[in-house]
Amino acid sequence: MIKEQGNIHHIFPKAYLRKNGFKQSEYNQVANYVWITQPRNLQIGDRAPKDYMVDMETTKHHSAENDQANAIPADLNKFDFHQYNQFLIERRNLMAQNIRSLFESL
């Protein structure tokens, strides 16, 4: 990812959340971060997940397996700013489950 110009991306883009009244402390949540390539980040821009997840160019490398490995809720493609807090709760739970599974596999 680093070789491919990887950077931290807000799953709910910060410009999108700012535009809809969210504060920095709300959009800069660990559960809202993921590593993606810079070109993909630029394609996403300031769109809601429900808008960029239906864009075939943006999601051409997307897979359910990748979502599961990265603790991304399966219904992200239905979310806009109205579901942001629900998304954070779901993603935190998925992250905790992934961490527990990894720990128990040691």
Protein backbone atom coordinates (compact mmCIF):
# COMPACT_ATOMS: atom_id res chain seq x y z
CA MET A 1 0.00 0.00 0.00
CA ILE A 2 2.82 2.42 0.82
CA LYS A 3 4.51 1.68 -2.52
CA GLU A 4 1.19 2.37 -4.26
CA GLN A 5 0.86 5.89 -2.80
CA GLY A 6 -1.26 4.66 0.09
CA ASN A 7 -2.77 7.16 2.46
CA ILE A 8 -5.29 7.35 5.24
CA HIS A 9 -8.79 7.88 3.94
CA HIS A 10 -11.92 8.83 5.82
CA ILE A 11 -14.55 6.22 4.88
CA PHE A 12 -17.06 9.03 5.34
CA PRO A 13 -14.96 11.79 3.76
CA LYS A 14 -14.24 14.67 6.12
CA ALA A 15 -15.33 17.32 3.57
CA TYR A 16 -18.62 15.47 3.18
CA LEU A 17 -19.18 15.29 6.94
CA ARG A 18 -18.12 18.93 7.45
CA LYS A 19 -20.59 19.98 4.77
CA ASN A 20 -23.28 18.17 6.75
CA GLY A 21 -22.49 19.81 10.10
CA PHE A 22 -20.02 17.38 11.70
CA LYS A 23 -17.08 18.64 13.75
CA GLN A 24 -13.44 17.56 13.49
CA SER A 25 -13.72 15.49 16.66
CA GLU A 26 -16.61 13.61 15.05
CA TYR A 27 -15.12 12.85 11.62
CA ASN A 28 -11.56 12.14 12.82
CA GLN A 29 -12.52 8.88 14.49
CA VAL A 30 -10.26 5.83 14.19
CA ALA A 31 -13.30 3.84 13.09
CA ASN A 32 -13.64 6.23 10.14
CA TYR A 33 -10.10 5.58 8.83
CA VAL A 34 -8.87 3.08 6.29
CA TRP A 35 -5.75 2.79 4.10
CA ILE A 36 -6.37 3.18 0.36
CA THR A 37 -4.37 4.39 -2.59
CA GLN A 38 -4.26 8.10 -3.32
CA PRO A 39 -5.86 7.71 -6.78
CA ARG A 40 -8.81 5.84 -5.21
CA ASN A 41 -9.08 8.48 -2.49
CA LEU A 42 -9.29 11.18 -5.18
CA GLN A 43 -12.00 9.21 -7.00
CA ILE A 44 -14.09 9.07 -3.83
CA GLY A 45 -13.75 12.79 -3.22
CA ASP A 46 -16.36 14.17 -0.85
CA ARG A 47 -19.16 11.72 -1.62
CA ALA A 48 -21.22 9.65 0.79
CA PRO A 49 -20.42 5.93 0.89
CA LYS A 50 -23.83 5.16 -0.67
CA ASP A 51 -22.77 7.31 -3.64
CA TYR A 52 -19.18 6.19 -4.17
CA MET A 53 -19.85 2.50 -3.46
CA VAL A 54 -22.04 2.26 -6.60
CA ASP A 55 -19.35 3.85 -8.81
CA MET A 56 -17.86 0.93 -10.78
CA GLU A 57 -14.55 2.73 -11.33
CA THR A 58 -14.13 3.48 -7.64
CA THR A 59 -15.07 -0.03 -6.52
CA LYS A 60 -13.36 -2.10 -9.22
CA HIS A 61 -11.00 -3.64 -6.62
CA HIS A 62 -13.66 -3.94 -3.93
CA SER A 63 -14.54 -7.32 -2.41
CA ALA A 64 -16.58 -8.67 0.49
CA GLU A 65 -13.46 -10.49 1.73
CA ASN A 66 -11.54 -7.21 1.87
CA ASP A 67 -14.41 -5.57 3.75
CA GLN A 68 -14.44 -8.38 6.29
CA ALA A 69 -10.66 -8.27 6.77
CA ASN A 70 -10.83 -4.50 7.28
CA ALA A 71 -13.93 -4.52 9.50
CA ILE A 72 -16.10 -2.63 7.03
CA PRO A 73 -19.86 -3.03 7.59
CA ALA A 74 -21.51 -5.01 4.78
CA ASP A 75 -24.20 -2.37 4.30
CA LEU A 76 -21.81 0.58 3.87
CA ASN A 77 -23.22 1.06 0.37
CA LYS A 78 -26.51 2.23 1.95
CA PHE A 79 -24.99 4.83 4.31
CA ASP A 80 -24.98 8.59 4.16
CA PHE A 81 -24.38 11.12 6.94
CA HIS A 82 -27.64 10.12 8.64
CA GLN A 83 -26.14 6.69 9.43
CA TYR A 84 -22.65 7.93 10.35
CA ASN A 85 -23.00 7.27 14.09
CA GLN A 86 -24.52 3.85 13.39
CA PHE A 87 -21.58 3.13 11.08
CA LEU A 88 -19.08 4.05 13.81
CA ILE A 89 -20.75 1.68 16.28
CA GLU A 90 -20.85 -1.16 13.74
CA ARG A 91 -17.27 -0.65 12.61
CA ARG A 92 -15.94 -0.50 16.17
CA ASN A 93 -17.70 -3.78 16.94
CA LEU A 94 -16.28 -5.40 13.80
CA MET A 95 -12.79 -4.09 14.63
CA ALA A 96 -13.07 -5.55 18.14
CA GLN A 97 -14.20 -8.90 16.74
CA ASN A 98 -11.25 -8.98 14.31
CA ILE A 99 -8.81 -8.14 17.10
CA ARG A 100 -10.33 -10.82 19.36
CA SER A 101 -10.07 -13.43 16.58
CA LEU A 102 -6.44 -12.55 15.92
CA PHE A 103 -5.63 -12.65 19.63
CA GLU A 104 -7.34 -16.00 20.11
CA SER A 105 -5.45 -17.46 17.16
CA LEU A 106 -2.10 -16.86 18.88
